C-alpha atoms as a PDB file:
ATOM      1  CA  MET A   1     -80.763 -28.493  -8.131  1.00  0.00           C
ATOM      2  CA  HIS A   2     -78.036 -29.430 -11.207  1.00  0.00           C
ATOM      3  CA  LEU A   3     -76.717 -28.102 -13.400  1.00  0.00           C
ATOM      4  CA  LEU A   4     -76.882 -28.893 -17.305  1.00  0.00           C
ATOM      5  CA  GLY A   5     -73.973 -27.362 -18.924  1.00  0.00           C
ATOM      6  CA  ALA A   6     -73.753 -24.374 -20.775  1.00  0.00           C
ATOM      7  CA  GLY A   7     -74.781 -22.260 -17.601  1.00  0.00           C
ATOM      8  CA  SER A   8     -77.977 -24.200 -17.481  1.00  0.00           C
ATOM      9  CA  VAL A   9     -79.494 -24.881 -13.853  1.00  0.00           C
ATOM     10  CA  THR A  10     -82.558 -27.214 -12.979  1.00  0.00           C
ATOM     11  CA  VAL A  11     -84.435 -26.550  -9.847  1.00  0.00           C
ATOM     12  CA  SER A  12     -86.681 -29.097  -8.289  1.00  0.00           C
ATOM     13  CA  LEU A  13     -89.051 -27.798  -5.506  1.00  0.00           C
ATOM     14  CA  TYR A  14     -91.727 -30.444  -3.596  1.00  0.00           C
ATOM     15  CA  VAL A  15     -94.616 -28.463  -3.507  1.00  0.00           C
ATOM     16  CA  THR A  16     -98.441 -29.584  -1.836  1.00  0.00           C
ATOM     17  CA  ALA A  17    -101.012 -28.300  -3.798  1.00  0.00           C
ATOM     18  CA  PRO A  18    -104.708 -28.889  -4.275  1.00  0.00           C
ATOM     19  CA  SER A  19    -103.917 -29.302  -7.670  1.00  0.00           C
ATOM     20  CA  LEU A  20    -101.270 -29.741 -10.532  1.00  0.00           C
ATOM     21  CA  VAL A  21    -102.200 -25.940 -11.651  1.00  0.00           C
ATOM     22  CA  ALA A  22    -101.686 -24.812  -8.410  1.00  0.00           C
ATOM     23  CA  ALA A  23     -98.519 -26.284  -7.541  1.00  0.00           C
ATOM     24  CA  GLU A  24     -97.219 -25.316 -11.283  1.00  0.00           C
ATOM     25  CA  CYS A  25     -97.967 -21.273  -9.975  1.00  0.00           C
ATOM     26  CA  ILE A  26     -96.955 -21.888  -6.465  1.00  0.00           C
ATOM     27  CA  ALA A  27     -93.503 -23.609  -8.135  1.00  0.00           C
ATOM     28  CA  GLN A  28     -93.420 -20.950 -10.698  1.00  0.00           C
ATOM     29  CA  ARG A  29     -93.836 -17.684  -8.105  1.00  0.00           C
ATOM     30  CA  VAL A  30     -90.842 -19.277  -5.997  1.00  0.00           C
ATOM     31  CA  SER A  31     -88.684 -19.184  -8.742  1.00  0.00           C
ATOM     32  CA  GLU A  32     -89.282 -16.072  -9.581  1.00  0.00           C
ATOM     33  CA  CYS A  33     -88.995 -14.683  -6.496  1.00  0.00           C
ATOM     34  CA  ALA A  34     -85.702 -16.383  -5.838  1.00  0.00           C
ATOM     35  CA  LEU A  35     -84.225 -15.354  -9.174  1.00  0.00           C
ATOM     36  CA  ALA A  36     -85.526 -11.164  -8.410  1.00  0.00           C
ATOM     37  CA  ALA A  37     -83.738 -11.798  -4.429  1.00  0.00           C
ATOM     38  CA  GLU A  38     -80.639 -12.701  -5.571  1.00  0.00           C
ATOM     39  CA  PRO A  39     -77.827 -10.805  -7.116  1.00  0.00           C
ATOM     40  CA  VAL A  40     -76.310 -13.669  -8.714  1.00  0.00           C
ATOM     41  CA  PHE A  41     -79.296 -14.496 -10.623  1.00  0.00           C
ATOM     42  CA  ARG A  42     -79.680 -10.674 -12.316  1.00  0.00           C
ATOM     43  CA  HIS A  43     -78.930 -12.238 -16.005  1.00  0.00           C
ATOM     44  CA  ALA A  44     -80.811 -15.522 -15.079  1.00  0.00           C
ATOM     45  CA  PHE A  45     -84.527 -16.571 -16.737  1.00  0.00           C
ATOM     46  CA  LEU A  46     -86.525 -18.638 -16.375  1.00  0.00           C
ATOM     47  CA  LEU A  47     -87.453 -21.037 -18.943  1.00  0.00           C
ATOM     48  CA  GLY A  48     -90.429 -23.425 -18.078  1.00  0.00           C
ATOM     49  CA  CYS A  49     -91.416 -24.753 -15.021  1.00  0.00           C
ATOM     50  CA  SER A  50     -94.184 -27.956 -14.714  1.00  0.00           C
ATOM     51  CA  ALA A  51     -95.151 -30.365 -11.895  1.00  0.00           C
ATOM     52  CA  ALA A  52     -96.153 -33.706 -11.435  1.00  0.00           C
ATOM     53  CA  LEU A  53     -98.465 -35.337  -9.865  1.00  0.00           C
ATOM     54  CA  VAL A  54     -97.734 -38.030  -6.542  1.00  0.00           C
ATOM     55  CA  ALA A  55     -98.586 -41.855  -7.463  1.00  0.00           C
ATOM     56  CA  GLU A  56    -101.892 -42.694  -5.182  1.00  0.00           C
ATOM     57  CA  TYR A  57     -99.199 -45.468  -3.495  1.00  0.00           C
ATOM     58  CA  PHE A  58     -97.633 -42.466  -1.608  1.00  0.00           C
ATOM     59  CA  ASN A  59    -101.043 -40.661  -0.741  1.00  0.00           C
ATOM     60  CA  ARG A  60    -102.295 -44.050   0.480  1.00  0.00           C
ATOM     61  CA  LEU A  61     -99.240 -44.361   2.852  1.00  0.00           C
ATOM     62  CA  LEU A  62     -99.810 -41.225   3.959  1.00  0.00           C
ATOM     63  CA  GLU A  63    -103.419 -42.255   5.209  1.00  0.00           C
ATOM     64  CA  LEU A  64    -102.274 -44.869   7.040  1.00  0.00           C
ATOM     65  CA  PRO A  65    -102.245 -44.657  10.680  1.00  0.00           C
ATOM     66  CA  GLY A  66     -98.763 -44.127  12.447  1.00  0.00           C
ATOM     67  CA  ARG A  67     -97.109 -43.051   9.210  1.00  0.00           C
ATOM     68  CA  ASP A  68     -95.714 -39.824   7.722  1.00  0.00           C
ATOM     69  CA  GLY A  69     -95.697 -41.116   4.393  1.00  0.00           C
ATOM     70  CA  ARG A  70     -91.461 -42.303   4.520  1.00  0.00           C
ATOM     71  CA  THR A  71     -90.618 -45.108   2.471  1.00  0.00           C
ATOM     72  CA  MET A  72     -87.068 -44.837   3.866  1.00  0.00           C
ATOM     73  CA  ARG A  73     -85.978 -45.314   7.693  1.00  0.00           C
ATOM     74  CA  LEU A  74     -84.144 -42.505   8.905  1.00  0.00           C
ATOM     75  CA  PRO A  75     -80.205 -42.411   9.692  1.00  0.00           C
ATOM     76  CA  VAL A  76     -79.033 -42.932  13.215  1.00  0.00           C
ATOM     77  CA  GLN A  77     -78.522 -39.366  14.335  1.00  0.00           C
ATOM     78  CA  ASP A  78     -75.726 -40.353  17.442  1.00  0.00           C
ATOM     79  CA  THR A  79     -73.325 -42.193  14.850  1.00  0.00           C
ATOM     80  CA  ASP A  80     -71.068 -41.310  12.594  1.00  0.00           C
ATOM     81  CA  GLN A  81     -72.749 -43.085   9.780  1.00  0.00           C
ATOM     82  CA  SER A  82     -75.879 -40.340   9.086  1.00  0.00           C
END
């Protein structure tokens, strides 16, 4: 989520769905529910909703044995560096 100025906000969601159309519908519904549920968003409205496909490269990473699709190492949890 980031501010665009003049009271505009862009919100990004990570959605897994069987198709791009389904992902867009899910993202739109989640956004509409958030606007309806939070009093701070009472006067806000949704300007648009779109989705982007995940590149085939990342899909293949998920198929490799023992891989979870991560391209970055997890931080060390028991140090001050995380």
